[in-house]
Amino acid sequence: MTDDRALVLFSGGQDSTVCLAWALDRFSHVETAGFDYGQRHRVELECRGRVVEALRARFPRWSAKLGVDHMIDLRSLGAISDTALTREAAIAFEKGGLPNTFVPGRNLLFFTYAGALAYRRDLKRLVGGMCETDYSGYPDCRDDTLKALQVALTLGMDRRLVIDTPLMWRDKPATWRLAEDLGGQSLVELILEETHSCYLGDRTRRHDWGYGCGTCPACALRANGWRAYAA
């Protein structure tokens, strides 16, 4: 297993698209993995293909590095989850302080399945867009969680796996700047037009920062980050 082959957890959103560009800029071979977990905003799964096609067409230096895309069925997670991301429910905060958009175990399962796939595909590095700088407090996005998971996966697979989280200490304005550094305005425009962040799955309204309802936490975070970046 070489250190130059990566698997990106790719949802079709802003953060995972920036992470995909980051991986393509660094590694010789990059594959992608998406997860269908019965998410309410499953329109993101449709965006994934358009983003990959656009990356291939607009960035020839990355096209040859971009390998197979894998779609993993995790709808059983949605079946046991009672969250605002897996059913029709108003987004609110729970008594414990977490928003009801938190899907327990989601990232733990994502990386475990990705690790199993990486083992079979001879891919050493797992890349995810988790961030602890401006996020909703999800415990499975924390740096400590993912470092512990990297150790567990390496021990459990008996093969060294590395979890890379290039956005962990970047806020949303810095994420937009990273996109510009990696792919210029062409990548920024691709993210604006083709990626999806809105928790409600709204692709009917186009804002200066992209598509979305404009009111859910994901839209608010993306919009505020864009305005700070563009100012």
C-alpha atoms as a PDB file:
ATOM      1  CA  MET A   1       0.000   0.000   0.000  1.00  0.00           C
ATOM      2  CA  THR A   2       1.533   3.325  -1.067  1.00  0.00           C
ATOM      3  CA  ASP A   3       1.086   6.657   0.696  1.00  0.00           C
ATOM      4  CA  ASP A   4      -0.043   8.322  -2.520  1.00  0.00           C
ATOM      5  CA  ARG A   5      -3.487   6.800  -2.997  1.00  0.00           C
ATOM      6  CA  ALA A   6      -6.582   8.255  -1.331  1.00  0.00           C
ATOM      7  CA  LEU A   7     -10.299   7.693  -0.843  1.00  0.00           C
ATOM      8  CA  VAL A   8     -12.366  10.854  -0.331  1.00  0.00           C
ATOM      9  CA  LEU A   9     -15.673  10.735   1.552  1.00  0.00           C
ATOM     10  CA  PHE A  10     -17.615  12.726  -1.012  1.00  0.00           C
ATOM     11  CA  SER A  11     -21.164  13.890  -0.344  1.00  0.00           C
ATOM     12  CA  GLY A  12     -21.540  16.444  -3.132  1.00  0.00           C
ATOM     13  CA  GLY A  13     -21.383  19.361  -0.702  1.00  0.00           C
ATOM     14  CA  GLN A  14     -19.042  22.328  -0.468  1.00  0.00           C
ATOM     15  CA  ASP A  15     -16.662  20.867   2.107  1.00  0.00           C
ATOM     16  CA  SER A  16     -16.256  17.451   0.526  1.00  0.00           C
ATOM     17  CA  THR A  17     -15.710  19.048  -2.901  1.00  0.00           C
ATOM     18  CA  VAL A  18     -12.907  21.208  -1.507  1.00  0.00           C
ATOM     19  CA  CYS A  19     -11.455  18.101   0.131  1.00  0.00           C
ATOM     20  CA  LEU A  20     -11.635  16.242  -3.181  1.00  0.00           C
ATOM     21  CA  ALA A  21      -9.729  19.069  -4.878  1.00  0.00           C
ATOM     22  CA  TRP A  22      -7.218  19.057  -2.001  1.00  0.00           C
ATOM     23  CA  ALA A  23      -6.632  15.320  -2.454  1.00  0.00           C
ATOM     24  CA  LEU A  24      -6.333  15.590  -6.238  1.00  0.00           C
ATOM     25  CA  ASP A  25      -3.738  18.316  -5.771  1.00  0.00           C
ATOM     26  CA  ARG A  26      -1.618  16.038  -3.537  1.00  0.00           C
ATOM     27  CA  PHE A  27      -2.056  12.394  -4.420  1.00  0.00           C
ATOM     28  CA  SER A  28      -1.424  10.385  -7.572  1.00  0.00           C
ATOM     29  CA  HIS A  29      -4.691   8.427  -7.439  1.00  0.00           C
ATOM     30  CA  VAL A  30      -7.974   9.469  -5.809  1.00  0.00           C
ATOM     31  CA  GLU A  31     -11.249   7.567  -5.540  1.00  0.00           C
ATOM     32  CA  THR A  32     -14.509   8.787  -4.038  1.00  0.00           C
ATOM     33  CA  ALA A  33     -17.150   7.226  -1.807  1.00  0.00           C
ATOM     34  CA  GLY A  34     -20.693   8.450  -1.268  1.00  0.00           C
ATOM     35  CA  PHE A  35     -23.251   7.196   1.230  1.00  0.00           C
ATOM     36  CA  ASP A  36     -26.990   6.808   0.835  1.00  0.00           C
ATOM     37  CA  TYR A  37     -28.271   6.770   4.409  1.00  0.00           C
ATOM     38  CA  GLY A  38     -31.835   7.807   3.667  1.00  0.00           C
ATOM     39  CA  GLN A  39     -30.975  11.474   4.054  1.00  0.00           C
ATOM     40  CA  ARG A  40     -33.734  13.999   3.669  1.00  0.00           C
ATOM     41  CA  HIS A  41     -31.477  16.126   1.446  1.00  0.00           C
ATOM     42  CA  ARG A  42     -30.690  13.251  -0.893  1.00  0.00           C
ATOM     43  CA  VAL A  43     -30.488  15.718  -3.779  1.00  0.00           C
ATOM     44  CA  GLU A  44     -26.827  15.911  -2.732  1.00  0.00           C
ATOM     45  CA  LEU A  45     -26.387  12.433  -4.210  1.00  0.00           C
ATOM     46  CA  GLU A  46     -27.466  13.779  -7.593  1.00  0.00           C
ATOM     47  CA  CYS A  47     -25.017  16.672  -7.273  1.00  0.00           C
ATOM     48  CA  ARG A  48     -22.096  14.283  -6.753  1.00  0.00           C
ATOM     49  CA  GLY A  49     -22.047  13.122 -10.364  1.00  0.00           C
ATOM     50  CA  ARG A  50     -22.253  16.636 -11.765  1.00  0.00           C
ATOM     51  CA  VAL A  51     -19.381  17.802  -9.566  1.00  0.00           C
ATOM     52  CA  VAL A  52     -17.150  14.900 -10.637  1.00  0.00           C
ATOM     53  CA  GLU A  53     -17.978  15.465 -14.318  1.00  0.00           C
ATOM     54  CA  ALA A  54     -17.180  19.167 -13.970  1.00  0.00           C
ATOM     55  CA  LEU A  55     -13.871  18.445 -12.245  1.00  0.00           C
ATOM     56  CA  ARG A  56     -12.875  16.074 -15.033  1.00  0.00           C
ATOM     57  CA  ALA A  57     -13.836  18.583 -17.725  1.00  0.00           C
ATOM     58  CA  ARG A  58     -12.427  21.775 -16.215  1.00  0.00           C
ATOM     59  CA  PHE A  59      -9.246  20.521 -14.538  1.00  0.00           C
ATOM     60  CA  PRO A  60      -7.211  18.337 -16.916  1.00  0.00           C
ATOM     61  CA  ARG A  61      -4.342  18.109 -14.426  1.00  0.00           C
ATOM     62  CA  TRP A  62      -6.682  16.329 -12.005  1.00  0.00           C
ATOM     63  CA  SER A  63      -8.721  14.291 -14.455  1.00  0.00           C
ATOM     64  CA  ALA A  64      -6.174  11.508 -14.901  1.00  0.00           C
ATOM     65  CA  LYS A  65      -5.867  11.102 -11.119  1.00  0.00           C
ATOM     66  CA  LEU A  66      -9.608  10.780 -10.501  1.00  0.00           C
ATOM     67  CA  GLY A  67     -10.535   7.133 -10.234  1.00  0.00           C
ATOM     68  CA  VAL A  68     -13.632   5.096  -9.447  1.00  0.00           C
ATOM     69  CA  ASP A  69     -16.624   6.535  -7.593  1.00  0.00           C
ATOM     70  CA  HIS A  70     -18.270   4.189  -5.083  1.00  0.00           C
ATOM     71  CA  MET A  71     -21.815   4.487  -3.724  1.00  0.00           C
ATOM     72  CA  ILE A  72     -22.457   2.683  -0.438  1.00  0.00           C
ATOM     73  CA  ASP A  73     -25.955   1.788   0.747  1.00  0.00           C
ATOM     74  CA  LEU A  74     -26.365   2.729   4.423  1.00  0.00           C
ATOM     75  CA  ARG A  75     -30.121   3.217   4.465  1.00  0.00           C
ATOM     76  CA  SER A  76     -30.289   1.035   7.553  1.00  0.00           C
ATOM     77  CA  LEU A  77     -28.724   3.992   9.399  1.00  0.00           C
ATOM     78  CA  GLY A  78     -31.615   6.207   8.365  1.00  0.00           C
ATOM     79  CA  ALA A  79     -34.064   3.515   9.448  1.00  0.00           C
ATOM     80  CA  ILE A  80     -32.767   3.534  13.034  1.00  0.00           C
ATOM     81  CA  SER A  81     -32.203   7.294  13.224  1.00  0.00           C
ATOM     82  CA  ASP A  82     -34.786   9.729  14.489  1.00  0.00           C
ATOM     83  CA  THR A  83     -33.283  12.991  13.278  1.00  0.00           C
ATOM     84  CA  ALA A  84     -34.206  16.004  11.195  1.00  0.00           C
ATOM     85  CA  LEU A  85     -31.859  14.758   8.474  1.00  0.00           C
ATOM     86  CA  THR A  86     -33.597  11.395   8.078  1.00  0.00           C
ATOM     87  CA  ARG A  87     -37.264  12.363   8.496  1.00  0.00           C
ATOM     88  CA  GLU A  88     -39.577  15.332   8.009  1.00  0.00           C
ATOM     89  CA  ALA A  89     -39.109  17.346  11.190  1.00  0.00           C
ATOM     90  CA  ALA A  90     -38.392  20.929  12.150  1.00  0.00           C
ATOM     91  CA  ILE A  91     -34.724  21.596  12.890  1.00  0.00           C
ATOM     92  CA  ALA A  92     -34.254  22.361  16.584  1.00  0.00           C
ATOM     93  CA  PHE A  93     -31.861  21.869  19.484  1.00  0.00           C
ATOM     94  CA  GLU A  94     -32.280  18.896  21.798  1.00  0.00           C
ATOM     95  CA  LYS A  95     -32.101  19.037  25.590  1.00  0.00           C
ATOM     96  CA  GLY A  96     -28.472  17.915  25.529  1.00  0.00           C
ATOM     97  CA  GLY A  97     -27.490  20.918  23.415  1.00  0.00           C
ATOM     98  CA  LEU A  98     -26.983  19.125  20.104  1.00  0.00           C
ATOM     99  CA  PRO A  99     -29.175  19.988  17.104  1.00  0.00           C
ATOM    100  CA  ASN A 100     -31.584  17.276  16.006  1.00  0.00           C
ATOM    101  CA  THR A 101     -29.691  17.167  12.697  1.00  0.00           C
ATOM    102  CA  PHE A 102     -27.061  15.037  14.448  1.00  0.00           C
ATOM    103  CA  VAL A 103     -27.179  11.481  13.079  1.00  0.00           C
ATOM    104  CA  PRO A 104     -25.569   9.304  15.775  1.00  0.00           C
ATOM    105  CA  GLY A 105     -22.704   7.208  14.493  1.00  0.00           C
ATOM    106  CA  ARG A 106     -22.816   8.604  10.971  1.00  0.00           C
ATOM    107  CA  ASN A 107     -19.166   9.548  10.562  1.00  0.00           C
ATOM    108  CA  LEU A 108     -18.030   6.515  12.556  1.00  0.00           C
ATOM    109  CA  LEU A 109     -19.846   4.273  10.100  1.00  0.00           C
ATOM    110  CA  PHE A 110     -18.725   6.293   7.081  1.00  0.00           C
ATOM    111  CA  PHE A 111     -15.069   5.883   7.968  1.00  0.00           C
ATOM    112  CA  THR A 112     -15.449   2.234   8.931  1.00  0.00           C
ATOM    113  CA  TYR A 113     -17.026   1.385   5.587  1.00  0.00           C
ATOM    114  CA  ALA A 114     -14.510   3.607   3.815  1.00  0.00           C
ATOM    115  CA  GLY A 115     -11.686   1.828   5.629  1.00  0.00           C
ATOM    116  CA  ALA A 116     -12.966  -1.561   4.495  1.00  0.00           C
ATOM    117  CA  LEU A 117     -13.243  -0.271   0.930  1.00  0.00           C
ATOM    118  CA  ALA A 118      -9.779   1.286   1.106  1.00  0.00           C
ATOM    119  CA  TYR A 119      -8.357  -2.032   2.290  1.00  0.00           C
ATOM    120  CA  ARG A 120      -9.735  -3.780  -0.773  1.00  0.00           C
ATOM    121  CA  ARG A 121      -8.745  -0.988  -3.171  1.00  0.00           C
ATOM    122  CA  ASP A 122      -5.199  -0.539  -1.786  1.00  0.00           C
ATOM    123  CA  LEU A 123      -5.862   3.049  -0.687  1.00  0.00           C
ATOM    124  CA  LYS A 124      -4.004   4.273   2.395  1.00  0.00           C
ATOM    125  CA  ARG A 125      -5.471   7.705   3.021  1.00  0.00           C
ATOM    126  CA  LEU A 126      -9.083   8.494   3.928  1.00  0.00           C
ATOM    127  CA  VAL A 127     -10.058  12.135   3.414  1.00  0.00           C
ATOM    128  CA  GLY A 128     -13.075  13.767   5.078  1.00  0.00           C
ATOM    129  CA  GLY A 129     -14.463  17.298   5.321  1.00  0.00           C
ATOM    130  CA  MET A 130     -15.072  17.279   9.078  1.00  0.00           C
ATOM    131  CA  CYS A 131     -14.431  20.584  10.819  1.00  0.00           C
ATOM    132  CA  GLU A 132     -14.258  21.617  14.467  1.00  0.00           C
ATOM    133  CA  THR A 133     -13.934  25.349  13.811  1.00  0.00           C
ATOM    134  CA  ASP A 134     -17.444  26.405  12.778  1.00  0.00           C
ATOM    135  CA  TYR A 135     -19.736  23.405  13.058  1.00  0.00           C
ATOM    136  CA  SER A 136     -22.905  22.277  14.826  1.00  0.00           C
ATOM    137  CA  GLY A 137     -21.117  20.563  17.693  1.00  0.00           C
ATOM    138  CA  TYR A 138     -21.380  17.056  16.264  1.00  0.00           C
ATOM    139  CA  PRO A 139     -19.097  14.878  18.425  1.00  0.00           C
ATOM    140  CA  ASP A 140     -18.131  12.663  15.480  1.00  0.00           C
ATOM    141  CA  CYS A 141     -16.625  15.691  13.699  1.00  0.00           C
ATOM    142  CA  ARG A 142     -14.106  16.355  16.484  1.00  0.00           C
ATOM    143  CA  ASP A 143     -10.407  15.962  15.886  1.00  0.00           C
ATOM    144  CA  ASP A 144     -10.033  13.696  18.929  1.00  0.00           C
ATOM    145  CA  THR A 145     -12.783  11.384  17.649  1.00  0.00           C
ATOM    146  CA  LEU A 146     -11.161  11.000  14.255  1.00  0.00           C
ATOM    147  CA  LYS A 147      -7.677  10.490  15.659  1.00  0.00           C
ATOM    148  CA  ALA A 148      -9.036   7.711  17.864  1.00  0.00           C
ATOM    149  CA  LEU A 149     -10.879   6.233  14.900  1.00  0.00           C
ATOM    150  CA  GLN A 150      -7.686   6.262  12.817  1.00  0.00           C
ATOM    151  CA  VAL A 151      -5.980   4.188  15.518  1.00  0.00           C
ATOM    152  CA  ALA A 152      -8.933   1.785  15.726  1.00  0.00           C
ATOM    153  CA  LEU A 153      -9.098   1.303  11.949  1.00  0.00           C
ATOM    154  CA  THR A 154      -5.356   0.734  11.692  1.00  0.00           C
ATOM    155  CA  LEU A 155      -5.466  -1.869  14.459  1.00  0.00           C
ATOM    156  CA  GLY A 156      -8.650  -3.491  13.202  1.00  0.00           C
ATOM    157  CA  MET A 157      -7.432  -3.752   9.612  1.00  0.00           C
ATOM    158  CA  ASP A 158      -3.858  -4.595  10.654  1.00  0.00           C
ATOM    159  CA  ARG A 159      -2.825  -2.071   8.015  1.00  0.00           C
ATOM    160  CA  ARG A 160      -1.851   1.557   8.385  1.00  0.00           C
ATOM    161  CA  LEU A 161      -4.714   3.893   7.428  1.00  0.00           C
ATOM    162  CA  VAL A 162      -4.464   7.672   7.690  1.00  0.00           C
ATOM    163  CA  ILE A 163      -7.472   9.948   8.157  1.00  0.00           C
ATOM    164  CA  ASP A 164      -6.859  13.392   6.635  1.00  0.00           C
ATOM    165  CA  THR A 165      -9.182  16.271   7.584  1.00  0.00           C
ATOM    166  CA  PRO A 166      -7.848  19.332   5.726  1.00  0.00           C
ATOM    167  CA  LEU A 167     -10.712  21.552   6.921  1.00  0.00           C
ATOM    168  CA  MET A 168     -10.529  20.647  10.617  1.00  0.00           C
ATOM    169  CA  TRP A 169      -9.137  24.017  11.709  1.00  0.00           C
ATOM    170  CA  ARG A 170     -10.500  26.151   8.871  1.00  0.00           C
ATOM    171  CA  ASP A 171     -13.686  28.200   9.133  1.00  0.00           C
ATOM    172  CA  LYS A 172     -15.987  28.642   6.139  1.00  0.00           C
ATOM    173  CA  PRO A 173     -14.316  31.793   4.753  1.00  0.00           C
ATOM    174  CA  ALA A 174     -10.988  29.958   4.885  1.00  0.00           C
ATOM    175  CA  THR A 175     -12.588  26.984   3.101  1.00  0.00           C
ATOM    176  CA  TRP A 176     -13.661  29.256   0.249  1.00  0.00           C
ATOM    177  CA  ARG A 177     -10.125  30.680   0.124  1.00  0.00           C
ATOM    178  CA  LEU A 178      -8.662  27.185   0.002  1.00  0.00           C
ATOM    179  CA  ALA A 179     -10.911  26.380  -2.962  1.00  0.00           C
ATOM    180  CA  GLU A 180      -9.612  29.469  -4.756  1.00  0.00           C
ATOM    181  CA  ASP A 181      -5.996  28.566  -3.945  1.00  0.00           C
ATOM    182  CA  LEU A 182      -6.479  25.046  -5.295  1.00  0.00           C
ATOM    183  CA  GLY A 183      -8.508  25.698  -8.438  1.00  0.00           C
ATOM    184  CA  GLY A 184      -8.934  29.440  -8.878  1.00  0.00           C
ATOM    185  CA  GLN A 185     -12.259  31.046  -9.675  1.00  0.00           C
ATOM    186  CA  SER A 186     -13.209  28.078 -11.834  1.00  0.00           C
ATOM    187  CA  LEU A 187     -13.370  25.852  -8.752  1.00  0.00           C
ATOM    188  CA  VAL A 188     -15.172  28.529  -6.737  1.00  0.00           C
ATOM    189  CA  GLU A 189     -17.807  28.847  -9.472  1.00  0.00           C
ATOM    190  CA  LEU A 190     -18.190  25.066  -9.666  1.00  0.00           C
ATOM    191  CA  ILE A 191     -18.842  24.927  -5.916  1.00  0.00           C
ATOM    192  CA  LEU A 192     -21.354  27.749  -6.112  1.00  0.00           C
ATOM    193  CA  GLU A 193     -23.317  26.210  -8.964  1.00  0.00           C
ATOM    194  CA  GLU A 194     -23.082  22.449  -8.511  1.00  0.00           C
ATOM    195  CA  THR A 195     -22.588  21.551  -4.835  1.00  0.00           C
ATOM    196  CA  HIS A 196     -25.331  21.214  -2.246  1.00  0.00           C
ATOM    197  CA  SER A 197     -25.367  22.029   1.489  1.00  0.00           C
ATOM    198  CA  CYS A 198     -29.009  22.784   2.373  1.00  0.00           C
ATOM    199  CA  TYR A 199     -30.441  20.369   4.951  1.00  0.00           C
ATOM    200  CA  LEU A 200     -33.898  20.683   3.393  1.00  0.00           C
ATOM    201  CA  GLY A 201     -32.674  19.677  -0.064  1.00  0.00           C
ATOM    202  CA  ASP A 202     -33.885  22.915  -1.670  1.00  0.00           C
ATOM    203  CA  ARG A 203     -32.429  23.455  -5.161  1.00  0.00           C
ATOM    204  CA  THR A 204     -35.130  25.919  -6.291  1.00  0.00           C
ATOM    205  CA  ARG A 205     -33.574  29.107  -4.929  1.00  0.00           C
ATOM    206  CA  ARG A 206     -30.227  30.472  -6.140  1.00  0.00           C
ATOM    207  CA  HIS A 207     -28.400  32.858  -3.811  1.00  0.00           C
ATOM    208  CA  ASP A 208     -25.028  34.549  -4.190  1.00  0.00           C
ATOM    209  CA  TRP A 209     -23.527  31.628  -2.230  1.00  0.00           C
ATOM    210  CA  GLY A 210     -25.331  28.843  -4.122  1.00  0.00           C
ATOM    211  CA  TYR A 211     -28.626  26.944  -3.866  1.00  0.00           C
ATOM    212  CA  GLY A 212     -30.649  26.355  -0.731  1.00  0.00           C
ATOM    213  CA  CYS A 213     -33.572  27.341   1.462  1.00  0.00           C
ATOM    214  CA  GLY A 214     -31.526  30.154   2.962  1.00  0.00           C
ATOM    215  CA  THR A 215     -32.688  29.560   6.542  1.00  0.00           C
ATOM    216  CA  CYS A 216     -31.453  26.153   7.757  1.00  0.00           C
ATOM    217  CA  PRO A 217     -28.168  25.970   9.731  1.00  0.00           C
ATOM    218  CA  ALA A 218     -26.230  24.583   6.754  1.00  0.00           C
ATOM    219  CA  CYS A 219     -27.390  27.431   4.519  1.00  0.00           C
ATOM    220  CA  ALA A 220     -26.635  30.037   7.181  1.00  0.00           C
ATOM    221  CA  LEU A 221     -23.113  28.699   7.679  1.00  0.00           C
ATOM    222  CA  ARG A 222     -22.410  28.590   3.967  1.00  0.00           C
ATOM    223  CA  ALA A 223     -23.881  32.046   3.342  1.00  0.00           C
ATOM    224  CA  ASN A 224     -21.991  33.711   6.191  1.00  0.00           C
ATOM    225  CA  GLY A 225     -18.753  32.097   5.077  1.00  0.00           C
ATOM    226  CA  TRP A 226     -19.254  33.221   1.492  1.00  0.00           C
ATOM    227  CA  ARG A 227     -19.982  36.826   2.468  1.00  0.00           C
ATOM    228  CA  ALA A 228     -16.921  37.005   4.699  1.00  0.00           C
ATOM    229  CA  TYR A 229     -14.783  35.508   1.907  1.00  0.00           C
ATOM    230  CA  ALA A 230     -16.218  37.776  -0.800  1.00  0.00           C
ATOM    231  CA  ALA A 231     -16.045  40.985   1.250  1.00  0.00           C
END
